[in-house]
N, C-alpha and C. Protein backbone atom coordinates (compact mmCIF):
# COMPACT_ATOMS: atom_id res chain seq x y z
N PRO A 1 41.74 203.54 60.53
CA PRO A 1 40.69 203.04 61.41
C PRO A 1 41.27 202.48 62.71
N SER A 2 40.51 202.61 63.78
CA SER A 2 40.94 202.07 65.06
C SER A 2 39.72 201.54 65.81
N VAL A 3 39.97 200.60 66.70
CA VAL A 3 38.91 199.97 67.47
C VAL A 3 39.29 199.97 68.94
N LEU A 4 38.37 200.39 69.78
CA LEU A 4 38.54 200.33 71.23
C LEU A 4 37.59 199.25 71.75
N GLN A 5 38.15 198.24 72.42
CA GLN A 5 37.34 197.09 72.83
C GLN A 5 37.56 196.78 74.31
N SER A 6 36.49 196.45 74.99
CA SER A 6 36.56 196.00 76.37
C SER A 6 35.72 194.73 76.51
N ALA A 7 36.13 193.85 77.41
CA ALA A 7 35.44 192.57 77.56
C ALA A 7 35.52 192.10 78.99
N ALA A 8 34.53 191.32 79.41
CA ALA A 8 34.51 190.69 80.73
C ALA A 8 33.97 189.27 80.58
N THR A 9 34.61 188.34 81.28
CA THR A 9 34.24 186.93 81.18
C THR A 9 34.00 186.35 82.56
N LEU A 10 32.94 185.56 82.68
CA LEU A 10 32.66 184.81 83.90
C LEU A 10 32.60 183.33 83.53
N GLU A 11 33.43 182.54 84.18
CA GLU A 11 33.48 181.10 83.90
C GLU A 11 33.16 180.34 85.18
N ARG A 12 32.36 179.28 85.03
CA ARG A 12 31.88 178.55 86.19
C ARG A 12 31.88 177.04 85.91
N GLN A 13 32.36 176.29 86.88
CA GLN A 13 32.31 174.84 86.80
C GLN A 13 30.97 174.38 87.38
N LEU A 14 30.18 173.68 86.60
CA LEU A 14 28.88 173.19 87.01
C LEU A 14 28.95 171.70 87.31
N PRO A 15 27.92 171.15 87.96
CA PRO A 15 27.92 169.71 88.24
C PRO A 15 27.93 168.87 86.97
N LYS A 16 28.30 167.61 87.11
CA LYS A 16 28.27 166.61 86.04
C LYS A 16 29.18 167.01 84.87
N ASN A 17 30.40 167.41 85.21
CA ASN A 17 31.43 167.69 84.20
C ASN A 17 30.99 168.72 83.16
N THR A 18 30.33 169.74 83.62
CA THR A 18 29.83 170.79 82.73
C THR A 18 30.46 172.12 83.11
N THR A 19 30.88 172.87 82.12
CA THR A 19 31.43 174.21 82.34
C THR A 19 30.60 175.24 81.58
N LEU A 20 30.48 176.41 82.18
CA LEU A 20 29.72 177.51 81.58
C LEU A 20 30.60 178.75 81.56
N ALA A 21 30.66 179.40 80.41
CA ALA A 21 31.43 180.64 80.27
C ALA A 21 30.55 181.69 79.61
N VAL A 22 30.49 182.87 80.22
CA VAL A 22 29.71 183.98 79.68
C VAL A 22 30.65 185.16 79.47
N THR A 23 30.66 185.69 78.24
CA THR A 23 31.56 186.80 77.89
C THR A 23 30.76 187.94 77.28
N TYR A 24 30.97 189.15 77.81
CA TYR A 24 30.38 190.35 77.22
C TYR A 24 31.49 191.20 76.62
N THR A 25 31.28 191.64 75.38
CA THR A 25 32.27 192.45 74.68
C THR A 25 31.62 193.71 74.14
N HIS A 26 32.27 194.84 74.37
CA HIS A 26 31.81 196.12 73.82
C HIS A 26 32.92 196.69 72.95
N SER A 27 32.58 197.02 71.72
CA SER A 27 33.57 197.54 70.77
C SER A 27 33.08 198.84 70.16
N ARG A 28 34.02 199.77 69.99
CA ARG A 28 33.71 201.03 69.30
C ARG A 28 34.78 201.27 68.24
N GLY A 29 34.32 201.57 67.05
CA GLY A 29 35.23 201.83 65.94
C GLY A 29 35.24 203.31 65.58
N PHE A 30 36.43 203.83 65.30
CA PHE A 30 36.59 205.23 64.95
C PHE A 30 37.35 205.33 63.63
N ARG A 31 37.10 206.41 62.90
CA ARG A 31 37.80 206.68 61.64
C ARG A 31 37.68 205.49 60.68
N GLU A 32 36.51 204.86 60.66
CA GLU A 32 36.28 203.75 59.74
C GLU A 32 36.16 204.27 58.31
N LEU A 33 36.52 203.43 57.34
CA LEU A 33 36.57 203.88 55.95
C LEU A 33 35.19 203.84 55.30
N ARG A 34 34.94 204.82 54.49
CA ARG A 34 33.77 204.87 53.61
C ARG A 34 34.08 205.84 52.48
N SER A 35 33.16 206.02 51.55
CA SER A 35 33.43 206.85 50.36
C SER A 35 32.28 207.81 50.11
N ASN A 36 32.57 208.81 49.27
CA ASN A 36 31.53 209.77 48.89
C ASN A 36 31.94 210.43 47.57
N ASP A 37 30.95 210.98 46.89
CA ASP A 37 31.19 211.72 45.66
C ASP A 37 31.33 213.19 46.02
N THR A 38 32.55 213.74 45.92
CA THR A 38 32.80 215.13 46.29
C THR A 38 32.40 216.11 45.20
N ASN A 39 31.95 215.60 44.06
CA ASN A 39 31.53 216.50 42.97
C ASN A 39 30.09 216.23 42.58
N ALA A 40 29.29 215.78 43.54
CA ALA A 40 27.87 215.54 43.26
C ALA A 40 27.17 216.87 43.00
N PRO A 41 26.18 216.90 42.10
CA PRO A 41 25.43 218.15 41.86
C PRO A 41 24.85 218.69 43.16
N LEU A 42 24.89 220.01 43.31
CA LEU A 42 24.36 220.63 44.51
C LEU A 42 22.88 220.32 44.66
N PRO A 43 22.40 220.23 45.89
CA PRO A 43 20.99 219.87 46.12
C PRO A 43 20.03 220.78 45.37
N GLY A 44 19.05 220.14 44.73
CA GLY A 44 18.03 220.89 44.01
C GLY A 44 18.40 221.29 42.60
N THR A 45 19.63 220.95 42.14
CA THR A 45 20.04 221.36 40.80
C THR A 45 20.08 220.21 39.81
N TYR A 46 19.94 218.99 40.27
CA TYR A 46 20.07 217.83 39.37
C TYR A 46 18.70 217.40 38.86
N ASN A 47 18.63 217.15 37.55
CA ASN A 47 17.42 216.65 36.91
C ASN A 47 17.71 215.26 36.37
N PRO A 48 17.14 214.21 36.95
CA PRO A 48 17.42 212.85 36.49
C PRO A 48 17.14 212.62 35.01
N ALA A 49 16.26 213.43 34.43
CA ALA A 49 15.92 213.26 33.02
C ALA A 49 16.96 213.86 32.09
N VAL A 50 17.90 214.66 32.65
CA VAL A 50 18.92 215.31 31.82
C VAL A 50 20.29 214.87 32.30
N PRO A 51 21.04 214.10 31.50
CA PRO A 51 22.37 213.65 31.90
C PRO A 51 23.31 214.82 32.17
N ASN A 52 24.16 214.68 33.19
CA ASN A 52 25.17 215.69 33.55
C ASN A 52 24.57 217.05 33.88
N SER A 53 23.33 217.06 34.31
CA SER A 53 22.71 218.33 34.66
C SER A 53 23.06 218.70 36.10
N GLY A 54 22.89 219.97 36.45
CA GLY A 54 23.12 220.43 37.80
C GLY A 54 24.32 221.35 37.91
N VAL A 55 24.50 221.86 39.11
CA VAL A 55 25.65 222.72 39.42
C VAL A 55 26.65 221.89 40.20
N PHE A 56 27.88 221.79 39.67
CA PHE A 56 28.89 220.91 40.27
C PHE A 56 29.90 221.73 41.07
N PRO A 57 30.25 221.28 42.27
CA PRO A 57 31.19 222.03 43.12
C PRO A 57 32.54 222.28 42.48
N LEU A 58 33.02 221.35 41.65
CA LEU A 58 34.33 221.50 41.03
C LEU A 58 34.25 222.18 39.66
N GLY A 59 33.05 222.56 39.24
CA GLY A 59 32.90 223.30 38.00
C GLY A 59 32.78 222.46 36.75
N HIS A 60 32.80 221.15 36.88
CA HIS A 60 32.67 220.28 35.71
C HIS A 60 31.86 219.05 36.11
N PRO A 61 31.12 218.44 35.17
CA PRO A 61 30.32 217.26 35.50
C PRO A 61 31.21 216.03 35.68
N GLY A 62 30.63 215.03 36.31
CA GLY A 62 31.34 213.77 36.51
C GLY A 62 31.70 213.54 37.97
N PRO A 63 31.58 212.32 38.43
CA PRO A 63 31.85 212.03 39.84
C PRO A 63 33.33 212.10 40.17
N VAL A 64 33.63 212.49 41.39
CA VAL A 64 34.99 212.44 41.93
C VAL A 64 34.88 211.73 43.28
N PHE A 65 35.23 210.45 43.28
CA PHE A 65 35.06 209.64 44.48
C PHE A 65 36.24 209.83 45.43
N ALA A 66 35.93 210.06 46.67
CA ALA A 66 36.96 210.28 47.69
C ALA A 66 36.78 209.28 48.82
N MET A 67 37.91 208.75 49.29
CA MET A 67 37.88 207.88 50.45
C MET A 67 37.91 208.73 51.70
N GLU A 68 37.05 208.40 52.65
CA GLU A 68 36.98 209.15 53.90
C GLU A 68 37.17 208.20 55.09
N SER A 69 37.79 208.72 56.14
CA SER A 69 37.91 207.94 57.38
C SER A 69 37.02 208.59 58.44
N SER A 70 35.73 208.68 58.11
CA SER A 70 34.77 209.37 58.97
C SER A 70 33.70 208.44 59.51
N GLY A 71 33.89 207.14 59.33
CA GLY A 71 32.88 206.19 59.78
C GLY A 71 33.06 205.80 61.24
N VAL A 72 31.97 205.32 61.84
CA VAL A 72 31.99 204.85 63.22
C VAL A 72 31.14 203.59 63.32
N PHE A 73 31.39 202.80 64.35
CA PHE A 73 30.50 201.69 64.66
C PHE A 73 30.54 201.42 66.15
N ARG A 74 29.47 200.81 66.65
CA ARG A 74 29.38 200.42 68.06
C ARG A 74 28.77 199.02 68.12
N GLN A 75 29.41 198.14 68.86
CA GLN A 75 28.98 196.74 68.91
C GLN A 75 28.84 196.27 70.35
N HIS A 76 27.74 195.57 70.62
CA HIS A 76 27.53 194.87 71.87
C HIS A 76 27.39 193.39 71.55
N GLN A 77 28.13 192.56 72.27
CA GLN A 77 28.09 191.12 71.98
C GLN A 77 28.12 190.34 73.30
N LEU A 78 27.22 189.37 73.40
CA LEU A 78 27.15 188.48 74.56
C LEU A 78 27.33 187.05 74.06
N LEU A 79 28.32 186.36 74.61
CA LEU A 79 28.64 185.00 74.19
C LEU A 79 28.46 184.06 75.37
N VAL A 80 27.65 183.02 75.18
CA VAL A 80 27.43 182.00 76.21
C VAL A 80 27.91 180.66 75.65
N ASN A 81 28.83 180.04 76.37
CA ASN A 81 29.43 178.79 75.88
C ASN A 81 29.28 177.71 76.96
N VAL A 82 28.76 176.55 76.58
CA VAL A 82 28.56 175.43 77.50
C VAL A 82 29.25 174.20 76.93
N ASN A 83 30.02 173.54 77.77
CA ASN A 83 30.66 172.28 77.40
C ASN A 83 30.34 171.24 78.47
N SER A 84 30.01 170.02 78.04
CA SER A 84 29.62 168.98 78.99
C SER A 84 30.17 167.62 78.56
N LYS A 85 30.82 166.96 79.49
CA LYS A 85 31.26 165.58 79.29
C LYS A 85 30.21 164.69 79.93
N VAL A 86 29.18 164.35 79.15
CA VAL A 86 28.04 163.63 79.68
C VAL A 86 28.45 162.27 80.21
N SER A 87 29.26 161.56 79.45
CA SER A 87 29.74 160.24 79.86
C SER A 87 31.07 159.99 79.18
N ARG A 88 31.59 158.79 79.36
CA ARG A 88 32.87 158.46 78.75
C ARG A 88 32.80 158.48 77.23
N THR A 89 31.62 158.30 76.68
CA THR A 89 31.47 158.20 75.23
C THR A 89 30.73 159.38 74.60
N ILE A 90 30.20 160.28 75.41
CA ILE A 90 29.38 161.38 74.87
C ILE A 90 29.91 162.71 75.39
N SER A 91 30.20 163.62 74.48
CA SER A 91 30.58 164.99 74.81
C SER A 91 29.71 165.94 74.00
N LEU A 92 29.19 166.98 74.66
CA LEU A 92 28.31 167.93 73.99
C LEU A 92 28.80 169.36 74.23
N PHE A 93 28.48 170.24 73.31
CA PHE A 93 28.81 171.66 73.47
C PHE A 93 27.69 172.50 72.86
N GLY A 94 27.60 173.72 73.31
CA GLY A 94 26.62 174.66 72.76
C GLY A 94 27.12 176.08 72.90
N THR A 95 26.84 176.91 71.92
CA THR A 95 27.26 178.31 71.93
C THR A 95 26.11 179.19 71.46
N TYR A 96 25.81 180.22 72.25
CA TYR A 96 24.82 181.20 71.84
C TYR A 96 25.47 182.58 71.82
N VAL A 97 25.21 183.34 70.76
CA VAL A 97 25.77 184.68 70.61
C VAL A 97 24.65 185.67 70.33
N PHE A 98 24.56 186.68 71.20
CA PHE A 98 23.71 187.83 70.90
C PHE A 98 24.61 188.96 70.43
N ASN A 99 24.29 189.53 69.29
CA ASN A 99 25.17 190.50 68.65
C ASN A 99 24.34 191.68 68.15
N ARG A 100 24.78 192.88 68.50
CA ARG A 100 24.10 194.08 68.00
C ARG A 100 25.16 195.08 67.58
N VAL A 101 25.14 195.47 66.28
CA VAL A 101 26.15 196.38 65.74
C VAL A 101 25.45 197.48 64.95
N ASN A 102 25.74 198.72 65.28
CA ASN A 102 25.26 199.87 64.52
C ASN A 102 26.46 200.62 63.97
N SER A 103 26.33 201.11 62.74
CA SER A 103 27.43 201.83 62.10
C SER A 103 26.87 202.73 61.02
N ASN A 104 27.74 203.57 60.46
CA ASN A 104 27.36 204.35 59.28
C ASN A 104 28.18 203.95 58.05
N THR A 105 28.83 202.80 58.13
CA THR A 105 29.59 202.29 56.99
C THR A 105 29.77 200.79 57.12
N ASP A 106 29.84 200.13 55.97
CA ASP A 106 30.16 198.71 55.92
C ASP A 106 31.49 198.49 55.22
N GLY A 107 32.29 199.53 55.14
CA GLY A 107 33.58 199.41 54.48
C GLY A 107 33.78 200.48 53.43
N LEU A 108 34.91 200.39 52.75
CA LEU A 108 35.30 201.41 51.78
C LEU A 108 34.30 201.57 50.64
N GLY A 109 33.58 200.49 50.30
CA GLY A 109 32.62 200.57 49.20
C GLY A 109 31.27 201.14 49.60
N THR A 110 31.14 201.66 50.81
CA THR A 110 29.88 202.22 51.28
C THR A 110 29.78 203.69 50.90
N PHE A 111 28.73 204.05 50.17
CA PHE A 111 28.45 205.44 49.81
C PHE A 111 27.13 205.85 50.48
N PRO A 112 27.01 207.08 50.92
CA PRO A 112 25.73 207.53 51.49
C PRO A 112 24.66 207.59 50.42
N ALA A 113 23.42 207.40 50.83
CA ALA A 113 22.32 207.50 49.87
C ALA A 113 22.27 208.89 49.25
N ASN A 114 22.41 209.92 50.09
CA ASN A 114 22.43 211.31 49.65
C ASN A 114 23.81 211.88 49.97
N PRO A 115 24.58 212.30 48.95
CA PRO A 115 25.94 212.77 49.22
C PRO A 115 26.01 214.01 50.08
N TYR A 116 24.87 214.71 50.27
CA TYR A 116 24.87 215.92 51.07
C TYR A 116 24.10 215.77 52.38
N SER A 117 23.78 214.56 52.75
CA SER A 117 23.05 214.34 54.00
C SER A 117 23.46 213.00 54.61
N SER A 118 23.61 212.99 55.92
CA SER A 118 23.93 211.75 56.63
C SER A 118 22.71 211.17 57.33
N ALA A 119 21.54 211.71 57.05
CA ALA A 119 20.32 211.23 57.68
C ALA A 119 20.07 209.77 57.30
N GLY A 120 19.87 208.94 58.28
CA GLY A 120 19.57 207.53 58.04
C GLY A 120 20.77 206.66 57.78
N GLU A 121 21.98 207.23 57.80
CA GLU A 121 23.17 206.42 57.51
C GLU A 121 23.60 205.57 58.71
N TYR A 122 23.33 206.07 59.92
CA TYR A 122 23.71 205.29 61.10
C TYR A 122 22.58 204.32 61.42
N GLY A 123 22.88 203.04 61.27
CA GLY A 123 21.88 202.00 61.48
C GLY A 123 22.56 200.65 61.59
N PRO A 124 21.82 199.56 61.42
CA PRO A 124 22.41 198.24 61.55
C PRO A 124 23.55 198.03 60.56
N ALA A 125 24.66 197.48 61.05
CA ALA A 125 25.78 197.14 60.17
C ALA A 125 25.46 195.86 59.42
N ALA A 126 26.22 195.59 58.36
CA ALA A 126 25.98 194.40 57.55
C ALA A 126 26.17 193.12 58.35
N TRP A 127 27.02 193.18 59.41
CA TRP A 127 27.25 191.98 60.22
C TRP A 127 26.41 191.99 61.50
N ASP A 128 25.32 192.74 61.48
CA ASP A 128 24.42 192.80 62.64
C ASP A 128 23.45 191.61 62.62
N VAL A 129 23.98 190.42 62.77
CA VAL A 129 23.17 189.21 62.91
C VAL A 129 22.89 189.05 64.40
N ARG A 130 21.65 189.23 64.82
CA ARG A 130 21.33 189.36 66.24
C ARG A 130 21.55 188.07 67.03
N HIS A 131 21.15 186.93 66.47
CA HIS A 131 21.19 185.70 67.25
C HIS A 131 21.89 184.59 66.45
N ARG A 132 22.79 183.89 67.14
CA ARG A 132 23.44 182.70 66.57
C ARG A 132 23.44 181.60 67.62
N LEU A 133 23.10 180.41 67.20
CA LEU A 133 23.10 179.26 68.10
C LEU A 133 23.78 178.09 67.40
N ASN A 134 24.84 177.58 68.01
CA ASN A 134 25.55 176.41 67.50
C ASN A 134 25.56 175.33 68.58
N THR A 135 25.26 174.12 68.20
CA THR A 135 25.30 173.02 69.14
C THR A 135 25.77 171.75 68.43
N GLY A 136 26.46 170.92 69.15
CA GLY A 136 26.99 169.69 68.56
C GLY A 136 27.69 168.85 69.61
N GLY A 137 28.45 167.90 69.15
CA GLY A 137 29.17 167.04 70.08
C GLY A 137 29.76 165.85 69.38
N THR A 138 30.23 164.91 70.18
CA THR A 138 30.78 163.65 69.66
C THR A 138 30.19 162.50 70.46
N ILE A 139 29.87 161.44 69.74
CA ILE A 139 29.30 160.24 70.35
C ILE A 139 30.07 159.04 69.83
N ASN A 140 30.72 158.31 70.73
CA ASN A 140 31.44 157.10 70.35
C ASN A 140 30.52 155.90 70.53
N THR A 141 30.32 155.15 69.44
CA THR A 141 29.42 154.00 69.46
C THR A 141 30.22 152.71 69.33
N LYS A 142 29.52 151.65 69.03
CA LYS A 142 30.16 150.34 68.87
C LYS A 142 31.15 150.36 67.71
N TRP A 143 32.13 149.49 67.79
CA TRP A 143 33.15 149.33 66.75
C TRP A 143 33.93 150.63 66.50
N ASN A 144 34.02 151.47 67.54
CA ASN A 144 34.77 152.73 67.45
C ASN A 144 34.28 153.65 66.34
N VAL A 145 33.01 153.62 66.07
CA VAL A 145 32.41 154.56 65.11
C VAL A 145 32.04 155.83 65.87
N ARG A 146 32.50 156.95 65.40
CA ARG A 146 32.26 158.22 66.07
C ARG A 146 31.26 159.06 65.27
N LEU A 147 30.21 159.49 65.94
CA LEU A 147 29.21 160.38 65.35
C LEU A 147 29.44 161.79 65.86
N SER A 148 29.42 162.76 64.95
CA SER A 148 29.63 164.16 65.32
C SER A 148 28.52 165.01 64.73
N PRO A 149 27.40 165.15 65.44
CA PRO A 149 26.32 166.02 64.94
C PRO A 149 26.65 167.49 65.17
N PHE A 150 26.13 168.35 64.29
CA PHE A 150 26.34 169.79 64.42
C PHE A 150 25.13 170.51 63.84
N ILE A 151 24.59 171.44 64.61
CA ILE A 151 23.44 172.23 64.18
C ILE A 151 23.76 173.71 64.39
N ALA A 152 23.55 174.52 63.37
CA ALA A 152 23.79 175.96 63.46
C ALA A 152 22.51 176.70 63.03
N LEU A 153 22.12 177.67 63.82
CA LEU A 153 20.92 178.45 63.55
C LEU A 153 21.24 179.92 63.77
N GLN A 154 20.84 180.78 62.83
CA GLN A 154 21.09 182.21 62.99
C GLN A 154 19.94 183.02 62.42
N SER A 155 19.70 184.18 63.02
CA SER A 155 18.66 185.08 62.53
C SER A 155 19.13 185.79 61.27
N GLY A 156 18.22 186.48 60.62
CA GLY A 156 18.52 187.09 59.33
C GLY A 156 19.48 188.25 59.42
N ALA A 157 20.33 188.36 58.41
CA ALA A 157 21.28 189.48 58.32
C ALA A 157 20.59 190.67 57.64
N PRO A 158 20.97 191.90 57.98
CA PRO A 158 20.37 193.07 57.34
C PRO A 158 20.87 193.27 55.91
N PHE A 159 20.08 193.93 55.10
CA PHE A 159 20.50 194.31 53.76
C PHE A 159 19.92 195.67 53.42
N ASP A 160 20.59 196.35 52.50
CA ASP A 160 20.18 197.71 52.13
C ASP A 160 19.10 197.64 51.05
N ILE A 161 18.15 198.53 51.12
CA ILE A 161 17.09 198.65 50.12
C ILE A 161 17.35 199.93 49.34
N THR A 162 17.59 199.80 48.04
CA THR A 162 17.88 200.97 47.21
C THR A 162 16.78 201.20 46.19
N ALA A 163 16.76 202.40 45.64
CA ALA A 163 15.69 202.78 44.71
C ALA A 163 15.92 202.23 43.30
N GLY A 164 17.16 201.85 42.98
CA GLY A 164 17.43 201.27 41.66
C GLY A 164 17.67 202.29 40.57
N SER A 165 17.92 203.55 40.94
CA SER A 165 18.21 204.57 39.92
C SER A 165 19.14 205.60 40.54
N ASP A 166 19.76 206.42 39.67
CA ASP A 166 20.69 207.46 40.11
C ASP A 166 19.87 208.68 40.52
N LEU A 167 19.63 208.83 41.81
CA LEU A 167 18.75 209.89 42.30
C LEU A 167 19.45 211.23 42.48
N TYR A 168 20.79 211.22 42.59
CA TYR A 168 21.50 212.46 42.96
C TYR A 168 22.62 212.83 41.98
N GLY A 169 22.66 212.18 40.83
CA GLY A 169 23.66 212.54 39.82
C GLY A 169 25.06 212.10 40.15
N THR A 170 25.22 211.04 40.92
CA THR A 170 26.54 210.56 41.32
C THR A 170 27.00 209.37 40.47
N THR A 171 26.17 208.93 39.52
CA THR A 171 26.37 207.71 38.72
C THR A 171 26.27 206.46 39.58
N LEU A 172 25.82 206.60 40.82
CA LEU A 172 25.66 205.47 41.72
C LEU A 172 24.18 205.15 41.90
N PHE A 173 23.91 203.92 42.29
CA PHE A 173 22.54 203.49 42.53
C PHE A 173 22.33 203.19 44.01
N SER A 174 22.95 204.01 44.84
CA SER A 174 22.88 203.79 46.28
C SER A 174 21.75 204.58 46.95
N GLY A 175 21.04 205.40 46.18
CA GLY A 175 19.93 206.17 46.76
C GLY A 175 18.83 205.26 47.27
N ARG A 176 18.29 205.58 48.43
CA ARG A 176 17.25 204.76 49.03
C ARG A 176 15.88 205.40 48.84
N PRO A 177 14.83 204.59 48.78
CA PRO A 177 13.48 205.14 48.60
C PRO A 177 12.99 205.85 49.85
N GLY A 178 11.96 206.65 49.67
CA GLY A 178 11.36 207.36 50.80
C GLY A 178 10.14 206.63 51.31
N ILE A 179 9.76 206.94 52.54
CA ILE A 179 8.54 206.38 53.12
C ILE A 179 7.38 207.28 52.69
N ALA A 180 6.48 206.72 51.91
CA ALA A 180 5.43 207.52 51.27
C ALA A 180 4.51 208.16 52.31
N THR A 181 4.26 209.44 52.13
CA THR A 181 3.30 210.17 52.97
C THR A 181 2.04 210.53 52.19
N ASP A 182 2.19 210.70 50.87
CA ASP A 182 1.05 210.95 49.99
C ASP A 182 0.69 209.65 49.29
N LEU A 183 -0.39 209.02 49.71
CA LEU A 183 -0.76 207.71 49.18
C LEU A 183 -1.15 207.76 47.71
N TYR A 184 -1.36 208.95 47.16
CA TYR A 184 -1.78 209.08 45.77
C TYR A 184 -0.63 209.54 44.87
N ARG A 185 0.57 209.61 45.42
CA ARG A 185 1.72 210.02 44.63
C ARG A 185 2.03 208.93 43.59
N PRO A 186 2.24 209.28 42.32
CA PRO A 186 2.49 208.28 41.28
C PRO A 186 3.79 207.51 41.53
N GLY A 187 3.79 206.23 41.18
CA GLY A 187 4.99 205.41 41.22
C GLY A 187 5.28 204.73 42.53
N LEU A 188 4.40 204.83 43.52
CA LEU A 188 4.65 204.19 44.81
C LEU A 188 4.64 202.67 44.67
N ILE A 189 5.43 202.01 45.51
CA ILE A 189 5.56 200.55 45.44
C ILE A 189 5.22 199.97 46.81
N GLN A 190 4.28 199.01 46.81
CA GLN A 190 3.92 198.32 48.05
C GLN A 190 4.93 197.22 48.32
N THR A 191 5.54 197.23 49.50
CA THR A 191 6.55 196.24 49.87
C THR A 191 6.24 195.69 51.26
N PRO A 192 6.91 194.60 51.67
CA PRO A 192 6.72 194.11 53.04
C PRO A 192 7.16 195.11 54.10
N TYR A 193 7.91 196.15 53.68
CA TYR A 193 8.38 197.16 54.62
C TYR A 193 7.55 198.44 54.56
N GLY A 194 6.43 198.38 53.88
CA GLY A 194 5.55 199.53 53.79
C GLY A 194 5.48 200.07 52.37
N LEU A 195 4.79 201.17 52.21
CA LEU A 195 4.61 201.82 50.90
C LEU A 195 5.80 202.75 50.68
N LEU A 196 6.62 202.43 49.66
CA LEU A 196 7.87 203.16 49.44
C LEU A 196 7.81 203.94 48.13
N ASP A 197 8.52 205.06 48.13
CA ASP A 197 8.57 205.95 46.96
C ASP A 197 9.98 205.88 46.35
N PRO A 198 10.14 205.32 45.15
CA PRO A 198 11.47 205.20 44.54
C PRO A 198 12.02 206.51 44.01
N ASN A 199 11.21 207.58 44.02
CA ASN A 199 11.66 208.90 43.56
C ASN A 199 11.35 209.94 44.64
N PRO A 200 12.08 209.91 45.76
CA PRO A 200 11.72 210.77 46.89
C PRO A 200 12.25 212.19 46.78
N ALA A 201 13.10 212.49 45.78
CA ALA A 201 13.72 213.82 45.69
C ALA A 201 12.64 214.91 45.61
N GLY A 202 12.76 215.89 46.47
CA GLY A 202 11.84 217.02 46.44
C GLY A 202 10.49 216.77 47.06
N SER A 203 10.25 215.57 47.56
CA SER A 203 8.93 215.24 48.12
C SER A 203 8.84 215.54 49.61
N GLY A 204 9.98 215.74 50.26
CA GLY A 204 9.98 215.96 51.70
C GLY A 204 9.81 214.69 52.51
N GLU A 205 9.85 213.55 51.85
CA GLU A 205 9.67 212.28 52.55
C GLU A 205 10.95 211.89 53.30
N THR A 206 10.77 211.13 54.36
CA THR A 206 11.90 210.59 55.10
C THR A 206 12.41 209.34 54.40
N LEU A 207 13.71 209.28 54.13
CA LEU A 207 14.28 208.09 53.50
C LEU A 207 14.35 206.95 54.51
N ILE A 208 14.17 205.72 54.03
CA ILE A 208 14.37 204.58 54.92
C ILE A 208 15.85 204.53 55.30
N SER A 209 16.13 204.00 56.46
CA SER A 209 17.50 203.98 56.95
C SER A 209 18.32 202.91 56.24
N ARG A 210 19.62 203.03 56.36
CA ARG A 210 20.54 202.07 55.74
C ARG A 210 20.36 200.68 56.36
N ASN A 211 20.46 199.66 55.51
CA ASN A 211 20.29 198.26 55.94
C ASN A 211 18.96 198.06 56.65
N PHE A 212 17.92 198.61 56.05
CA PHE A 212 16.58 198.55 56.64
C PHE A 212 15.97 197.16 56.54
N GLY A 213 16.35 196.39 55.53
CA GLY A 213 15.77 195.07 55.33
C GLY A 213 16.43 194.00 56.19
N ARG A 214 15.75 192.88 56.32
CA ARG A 214 16.27 191.73 57.07
C ARG A 214 16.09 190.47 56.25
N GLY A 215 17.18 189.70 56.13
CA GLY A 215 17.13 188.46 55.38
C GLY A 215 16.48 187.35 56.18
N PRO A 216 16.36 186.16 55.59
CA PRO A 216 15.68 185.05 56.25
C PRO A 216 16.56 184.37 57.30
N VAL A 217 15.92 183.64 58.19
CA VAL A 217 16.63 182.81 59.16
C VAL A 217 17.35 181.69 58.41
N GLN A 218 18.56 181.36 58.86
CA GLN A 218 19.33 180.30 58.22
C GLN A 218 19.58 179.17 59.22
N MET A 219 19.50 177.93 58.71
CA MET A 219 19.72 176.76 59.56
C MET A 219 20.61 175.77 58.81
N PHE A 220 21.58 175.23 59.51
CA PHE A 220 22.54 174.30 58.93
C PHE A 220 22.61 173.07 59.83
N VAL A 221 22.41 171.88 59.24
CA VAL A 221 22.45 170.63 59.98
C VAL A 221 23.46 169.70 59.32
N ASN A 222 24.37 169.16 60.12
CA ASN A 222 25.41 168.30 59.59
C ASN A 222 25.65 167.12 60.54
N LEU A 223 25.93 165.96 59.98
CA LEU A 223 26.28 164.79 60.78
C LEU A 223 27.49 164.12 60.15
N ARG A 224 28.56 164.07 60.92
CA ARG A 224 29.79 163.43 60.44
C ARG A 224 29.93 162.06 61.09
N VAL A 225 30.22 161.06 60.28
CA VAL A 225 30.43 159.70 60.76
C VAL A 225 31.87 159.29 60.43
N ALA A 226 32.63 158.88 61.44
CA ALA A 226 34.04 158.56 61.23
C ALA A 226 34.41 157.27 61.95
N LYS A 227 35.33 156.52 61.34
CA LYS A 227 35.89 155.33 61.96
C LYS A 227 37.36 155.21 61.58
N ILE A 228 38.18 154.92 62.54
CA ILE A 228 39.62 154.79 62.31
C ILE A 228 39.97 153.32 62.16
N PHE A 229 40.64 153.02 61.06
CA PHE A 229 41.14 151.65 60.80
C PHE A 229 42.63 151.62 61.05
N THR A 230 43.05 150.70 61.85
CA THR A 230 44.49 150.56 62.16
C THR A 230 45.10 149.48 61.29
N LEU A 231 46.18 149.81 60.56
CA LEU A 231 46.85 148.85 59.69
C LEU A 231 48.15 148.43 60.34
């Protein structure tokens, strides 16, 4: 794997002992690692109801997992950093990060939903957390007691939605559900992401893309109180 990265930074001194730094970073990854089953049953030959069914490329049933260096990713990141010495006793800082990452792998343990198709594999990476905001500082009070508040806020991270069964005879449960087009098809499941079909094989439905889901917003609040005693 290799990464090509470029960055530009603008730093500015503002009034009242405040500094502002803005950094834009663009990264592209090549030959990233991922895996696949090279002995998956040929399309249209596997019957989920019959174990080891289908026509296998190597002539025998059973998965043969291969590591591939065929993954890619592209990342755009904007970092804004502010530091301010408000007074002799108060210092504050704040950091905002906008981050957008698309890839077709999250590492060596990433398998495609369909071993014979890359449709829907290029999408949000696992670390595609769009917004992060950190703010804090130090406040010196009476009797040399130092207060250090810190607040961190970030938007939800993506996660993959899988069908929960071996759809392609790979012994893996990485197959993703399809977006239902026939509302009367048996077994459809209503979700916050729409009406999904956990058995899309042969239906002609479009599979949902990798890391289609989004987790909840996270917030972290901390206050540290410290005092130094001299002996």
